Amino acid sequence: MLYKFKSQAAADVIMMQPHGDKVLAALGREPSERGVIQVAAMQDAIDALQQAMKASHEKLAAPKDEEQEDDDEHYDDIPFHVRAEPFLNLLKLSLAEGKDVVWGV
């Protein structure tokens, strides 16, 4: 499945399901095929996503310990904070224009 996040304020952001699920989880939302982030909740979503992106960046910058090295089989070449950047931009533009972000509709 693909997520196609849409807003009247900007171009669509398309993500593979595992990455879209992680973004939605970072917002405190249950991943789902359809949904909406209303303008009233957008600043909270932006703040939550920025915190998750910061944590991802810090984890990448931290030296690896042996336990992390053993987990390299689950390592993604593109870190979360990089994958989430287009979605963060979509949220910011949508908030500035007063438009909701929707997917699956």
N, C-alpha and C. Protein backbone atom coordinates (compact mmCIF):
# COMPACT_ATOMS: atom_id res chain seq x y z
N MET A 1 0.84 -1.18 0.00
CA MET A 1 0.00 0.00 0.00
C MET A 1 0.88 1.24 0.00
N LEU A 2 0.39 2.26 -0.64
CA LEU A 2 1.04 3.56 -0.64
C LEU A 2 0.17 4.55 0.12
N TYR A 3 0.82 5.46 0.82
CA TYR A 3 0.11 6.60 1.38
C TYR A 3 0.27 7.76 0.40
N LYS A 4 -0.82 8.43 0.10
CA LYS A 4 -0.78 9.63 -0.71
C LYS A 4 -1.40 10.75 0.13
N PHE A 5 -0.53 11.53 0.76
CA PHE A 5 -0.97 12.63 1.61
C PHE A 5 -1.24 13.84 0.71
N LYS A 6 -2.44 14.42 0.85
CA LYS A 6 -2.86 15.50 -0.04
C LYS A 6 -3.29 16.73 0.76
N SER A 7 -3.06 17.87 0.14
CA SER A 7 -3.51 19.14 0.69
C SER A 7 -3.70 20.10 -0.47
N GLN A 8 -4.63 21.01 -0.33
CA GLN A 8 -4.83 22.03 -1.36
C GLN A 8 -3.73 23.08 -1.32
N ALA A 9 -2.85 23.00 -0.33
CA ALA A 9 -1.80 24.01 -0.17
C ALA A 9 -0.48 23.63 -0.82
N ALA A 10 -0.31 22.35 -1.20
CA ALA A 10 0.99 21.91 -1.71
C ALA A 10 0.83 20.63 -2.53
N ALA A 11 1.93 20.21 -3.12
CA ALA A 11 1.94 18.96 -3.88
C ALA A 11 1.76 17.77 -2.96
N ASP A 12 1.29 16.67 -3.53
CA ASP A 12 1.09 15.43 -2.77
C ASP A 12 2.43 14.89 -2.28
N VAL A 13 2.37 14.20 -1.14
CA VAL A 13 3.53 13.47 -0.60
C VAL A 13 3.15 12.00 -0.59
N ILE A 14 3.95 11.19 -1.28
CA ILE A 14 3.66 9.76 -1.40
C ILE A 14 4.72 8.99 -0.63
N MET A 15 4.28 8.03 0.18
CA MET A 15 5.18 7.19 0.98
C MET A 15 4.73 5.74 0.91
N MET A 16 5.71 4.86 0.97
CA MET A 16 5.41 3.44 1.12
C MET A 16 4.78 3.24 2.50
N GLN A 17 3.98 2.19 2.65
CA GLN A 17 3.24 1.96 3.88
C GLN A 17 4.10 1.95 5.14
N PRO A 18 5.23 1.23 5.17
CA PRO A 18 5.99 1.20 6.43
C PRO A 18 6.47 2.58 6.86
N HIS A 19 6.83 3.41 5.90
CA HIS A 19 7.33 4.74 6.23
C HIS A 19 6.19 5.67 6.62
N GLY A 20 5.07 5.57 5.92
CA GLY A 20 3.89 6.35 6.29
C GLY A 20 3.36 5.96 7.66
N ASP A 21 3.42 4.66 7.96
CA ASP A 21 2.99 4.20 9.29
C ASP A 21 3.85 4.83 10.38
N LYS A 22 5.16 4.89 10.15
CA LYS A 22 6.07 5.48 11.14
C LYS A 22 5.79 6.97 11.34
N VAL A 23 5.51 7.66 10.25
CA VAL A 23 5.20 9.10 10.34
C VAL A 23 3.91 9.30 11.14
N LEU A 24 2.89 8.52 10.83
CA LEU A 24 1.62 8.66 11.55
C LEU A 24 1.79 8.30 13.03
N ALA A 25 2.57 7.26 13.31
CA ALA A 25 2.82 6.88 14.70
C ALA A 25 3.55 8.00 15.45
N ALA A 26 4.46 8.68 14.77
CA ALA A 26 5.17 9.80 15.39
C ALA A 26 4.22 10.93 15.76
N LEU A 27 3.12 11.03 15.03
CA LEU A 27 2.11 12.05 15.32
C LEU A 27 1.14 11.61 16.41
N GLY A 28 1.31 10.37 16.85
CA GLY A 28 0.40 9.83 17.86
C GLY A 28 -0.89 9.32 17.26
N ARG A 29 -0.87 9.02 15.98
CA ARG A 29 -2.06 8.52 15.28
C ARG A 29 -1.89 7.06 14.93
N GLU A 30 -2.97 6.35 14.96
CA GLU A 30 -2.98 4.96 14.54
C GLU A 30 -2.89 4.94 13.01
N PRO A 31 -1.93 4.22 12.46
CA PRO A 31 -1.87 4.14 10.99
C PRO A 31 -3.18 3.60 10.42
N SER A 32 -3.65 4.23 9.36
CA SER A 32 -4.91 3.81 8.75
C SER A 32 -4.90 4.16 7.27
N GLU A 33 -5.77 3.50 6.53
CA GLU A 33 -5.85 3.74 5.09
C GLU A 33 -6.39 5.11 4.75
N ARG A 34 -7.21 5.67 5.64
CA ARG A 34 -7.81 6.99 5.41
C ARG A 34 -7.68 7.83 6.65
N GLY A 35 -7.56 9.12 6.43
CA GLY A 35 -7.51 10.00 7.58
C GLY A 35 -7.40 11.46 7.19
N VAL A 36 -7.41 12.28 8.21
CA VAL A 36 -7.30 13.72 8.02
C VAL A 36 -6.58 14.34 9.21
N ILE A 37 -5.77 15.32 8.92
CA ILE A 37 -5.19 16.16 9.97
C ILE A 37 -5.79 17.54 9.73
N GLN A 38 -6.65 17.94 10.64
CA GLN A 38 -7.33 19.22 10.48
C GLN A 38 -6.40 20.36 10.89
N VAL A 39 -6.69 21.52 10.35
CA VAL A 39 -5.86 22.70 10.62
C VAL A 39 -5.73 22.95 12.12
N ALA A 40 -6.79 22.74 12.87
CA ALA A 40 -6.76 22.98 14.32
C ALA A 40 -5.74 22.09 15.04
N ALA A 41 -5.47 20.92 14.50
CA ALA A 41 -4.53 19.97 15.12
C ALA A 41 -3.15 19.99 14.45
N MET A 42 -2.98 20.83 13.46
CA MET A 42 -1.76 20.78 12.65
C MET A 42 -0.51 21.21 13.41
N GLN A 43 -0.59 22.23 14.23
CA GLN A 43 0.61 22.67 14.96
C GLN A 43 1.09 21.58 15.91
N ASP A 44 0.16 20.90 16.57
CA ASP A 44 0.55 19.78 17.44
C ASP A 44 1.22 18.67 16.63
N ALA A 45 0.70 18.41 15.43
CA ALA A 45 1.29 17.39 14.56
C ALA A 45 2.69 17.80 14.14
N ILE A 46 2.88 19.06 13.79
CA ILE A 46 4.20 19.57 13.41
C ILE A 46 5.17 19.43 14.56
N ASP A 47 4.75 19.82 15.75
CA ASP A 47 5.64 19.72 16.93
C ASP A 47 6.04 18.28 17.22
N ALA A 48 5.07 17.37 17.15
CA ALA A 48 5.35 15.95 17.42
C ALA A 48 6.31 15.39 16.38
N LEU A 49 6.08 15.72 15.11
CA LEU A 49 6.93 15.21 14.05
C LEU A 49 8.35 15.78 14.17
N GLN A 50 8.46 17.05 14.51
CA GLN A 50 9.78 17.64 14.68
C GLN A 50 10.55 16.97 15.83
N GLN A 51 9.86 16.63 16.91
CA GLN A 51 10.52 15.93 18.02
C GLN A 51 11.01 14.56 17.58
N ALA A 52 10.18 13.83 16.84
CA ALA A 52 10.57 12.50 16.35
C ALA A 52 11.74 12.61 15.37
N MET A 53 11.74 13.63 14.54
CA MET A 53 12.83 13.83 13.59
C MET A 53 14.12 14.18 14.31
N LYS A 54 14.02 14.99 15.34
CA LYS A 54 15.20 15.35 16.12
C LYS A 54 15.79 14.11 16.79
N ALA A 55 14.93 13.27 17.36
CA ALA A 55 15.40 12.03 18.00
C ALA A 55 16.07 11.13 16.98
N SER A 56 15.53 11.04 15.78
CA SER A 56 16.13 10.24 14.72
C SER A 56 17.51 10.77 14.34
N HIS A 57 17.60 12.06 14.22
CA HIS A 57 18.88 12.68 13.86
C HIS A 57 19.93 12.44 14.95
N GLU A 58 19.51 12.59 16.20
CA GLU A 58 20.44 12.37 17.32
C GLU A 58 20.88 10.91 17.40
N LYS A 59 19.97 9.99 17.14
CA LYS A 59 20.31 8.56 17.17
C LYS A 59 21.34 8.24 16.08
N LEU A 60 21.19 8.84 14.92
CA LEU A 60 22.12 8.62 13.83
C LEU A 60 23.50 9.20 14.16
N ALA A 61 23.52 10.34 14.83
CA ALA A 61 24.78 11.01 15.16
C ALA A 61 25.51 10.36 16.33
N ALA A 62 24.79 9.62 17.16
CA ALA A 62 25.40 8.98 18.34
C ALA A 62 26.27 7.82 17.90
N PRO A 63 27.36 7.58 18.64
CA PRO A 63 28.20 6.42 18.31
C PRO A 63 27.42 5.13 18.54
N LYS A 64 27.66 4.15 17.67
CA LYS A 64 26.97 2.86 17.79
C LYS A 64 27.60 2.03 18.89
N ASP A 65 26.75 1.36 19.65
CA ASP A 65 27.27 0.38 20.60
C ASP A 65 27.09 -1.01 19.99
N GLU A 66 27.56 -2.02 20.68
CA GLU A 66 27.51 -3.38 20.12
C GLU A 66 26.09 -3.84 19.84
N GLU A 67 25.16 -3.47 20.71
CA GLU A 67 23.77 -3.89 20.52
C GLU A 67 23.20 -3.30 19.24
N GLN A 68 23.50 -2.03 18.97
CA GLN A 68 23.02 -1.40 17.75
C GLN A 68 23.66 -2.05 16.53
N GLU A 69 24.93 -2.42 16.62
CA GLU A 69 25.59 -3.04 15.48
C GLU A 69 24.95 -4.38 15.14
N ASP A 70 24.49 -5.11 16.15
CA ASP A 70 23.80 -6.38 15.91
C ASP A 70 22.45 -6.16 15.22
N ASP A 71 21.90 -4.97 15.37
CA ASP A 71 20.59 -4.65 14.81
C ASP A 71 20.71 -4.07 13.39
N ASP A 72 21.89 -4.09 12.81
CA ASP A 72 22.08 -3.50 11.48
C ASP A 72 21.24 -4.17 10.40
N GLU A 73 20.78 -5.39 10.62
CA GLU A 73 19.95 -6.03 9.61
C GLU A 73 18.61 -5.30 9.45
N HIS A 74 18.20 -4.56 10.45
CA HIS A 74 16.97 -3.78 10.39
C HIS A 74 17.24 -2.32 10.06
N TYR A 75 18.48 -1.99 9.75
CA TYR A 75 18.89 -0.61 9.49
C TYR A 75 18.35 -0.16 8.13
N ASP A 76 17.84 1.04 8.10
CA ASP A 76 17.33 1.63 6.88
C ASP A 76 18.37 2.64 6.39
N ASP A 77 18.76 2.56 5.13
CA ASP A 77 19.76 3.48 4.59
C ASP A 77 19.31 4.93 4.65
N ILE A 78 18.01 5.15 4.60
CA ILE A 78 17.48 6.52 4.67
C ILE A 78 16.82 6.68 6.03
N PRO A 79 17.38 7.53 6.89
CA PRO A 79 16.84 7.67 8.25
C PRO A 79 15.47 8.35 8.26
N PHE A 80 14.76 8.12 9.36
CA PHE A 80 13.41 8.66 9.53
C PHE A 80 13.35 10.16 9.30
N HIS A 81 14.30 10.91 9.87
CA HIS A 81 14.22 12.37 9.76
C HIS A 81 14.33 12.85 8.31
N VAL A 82 15.00 12.09 7.47
CA VAL A 82 15.09 12.45 6.06
C VAL A 82 13.78 12.10 5.34
N ARG A 83 13.26 10.91 5.62
CA ARG A 83 12.00 10.49 4.98
C ARG A 83 10.83 11.38 5.39
N ALA A 84 10.83 11.88 6.61
CA ALA A 84 9.70 12.66 7.12
C ALA A 84 9.71 14.12 6.68
N GLU A 85 10.84 14.60 6.18
CA GLU A 85 10.97 16.02 5.82
C GLU A 85 9.91 16.50 4.82
N PRO A 86 9.62 15.78 3.74
CA PRO A 86 8.56 16.25 2.83
C PRO A 86 7.19 16.35 3.50
N PHE A 87 6.90 15.40 4.39
CA PHE A 87 5.62 15.44 5.09
C PHE A 87 5.57 16.64 6.05
N LEU A 88 6.68 16.93 6.72
CA LEU A 88 6.75 18.11 7.59
C LEU A 88 6.51 19.38 6.79
N ASN A 89 7.12 19.46 5.61
CA ASN A 89 6.90 20.63 4.76
C ASN A 89 5.45 20.75 4.33
N LEU A 90 4.82 19.61 4.03
CA LEU A 90 3.40 19.61 3.66
C LEU A 90 2.55 20.15 4.82
N LEU A 91 2.85 19.71 6.03
CA LEU A 91 2.10 20.19 7.19
C LEU A 91 2.29 21.70 7.38
N LYS A 92 3.51 22.17 7.26
CA LYS A 92 3.78 23.60 7.46
C LYS A 92 3.07 24.45 6.42
N LEU A 93 3.15 24.05 5.16
CA LEU A 93 2.47 24.80 4.10
C LEU A 93 0.96 24.77 4.28
N SER A 94 0.44 23.61 4.69
CA SER A 94 -1.00 23.48 4.90
C SER A 94 -1.47 24.35 6.06
N LEU A 95 -0.69 24.41 7.11
CA LEU A 95 -1.04 25.26 8.25
C LEU A 95 -1.06 26.73 7.83
N ALA A 96 -0.05 27.13 7.07
CA ALA A 96 0.04 28.53 6.62
C ALA A 96 -1.14 28.92 5.73
N GLU A 97 -1.63 27.96 4.94
CA GLU A 97 -2.74 28.23 4.03
C GLU A 97 -4.11 27.92 4.65
N GLY A 98 -4.10 27.30 5.84
CA GLY A 98 -5.36 26.95 6.49
C GLY A 98 -6.09 25.80 5.80
N LYS A 99 -5.33 24.81 5.31
CA LYS A 99 -5.91 23.67 4.60
C LYS A 99 -5.61 22.37 5.33
N ASP A 100 -6.56 21.46 5.35
CA ASP A 100 -6.38 20.15 5.97
C ASP A 100 -5.46 19.27 5.12
N VAL A 101 -4.86 18.28 5.76
CA VAL A 101 -4.11 17.24 5.06
C VAL A 101 -4.94 15.96 5.16
N VAL A 102 -5.15 15.31 4.02
CA VAL A 102 -5.95 14.09 3.99
C VAL A 102 -5.18 13.00 3.26
N TRP A 103 -5.59 11.75 3.50
CA TRP A 103 -5.06 10.63 2.75
C TRP A 103 -6.13 9.56 2.62
N GLY A 104 -6.04 8.81 1.53
CA GLY A 104 -6.97 7.70 1.31
C GLY A 104 -8.35 8.12 0.86
N VAL A 105 -8.52 9.36 0.49
CA VAL A 105 -9.84 9.83 0.03
C VAL A 105 -9.74 10.34 -1.39
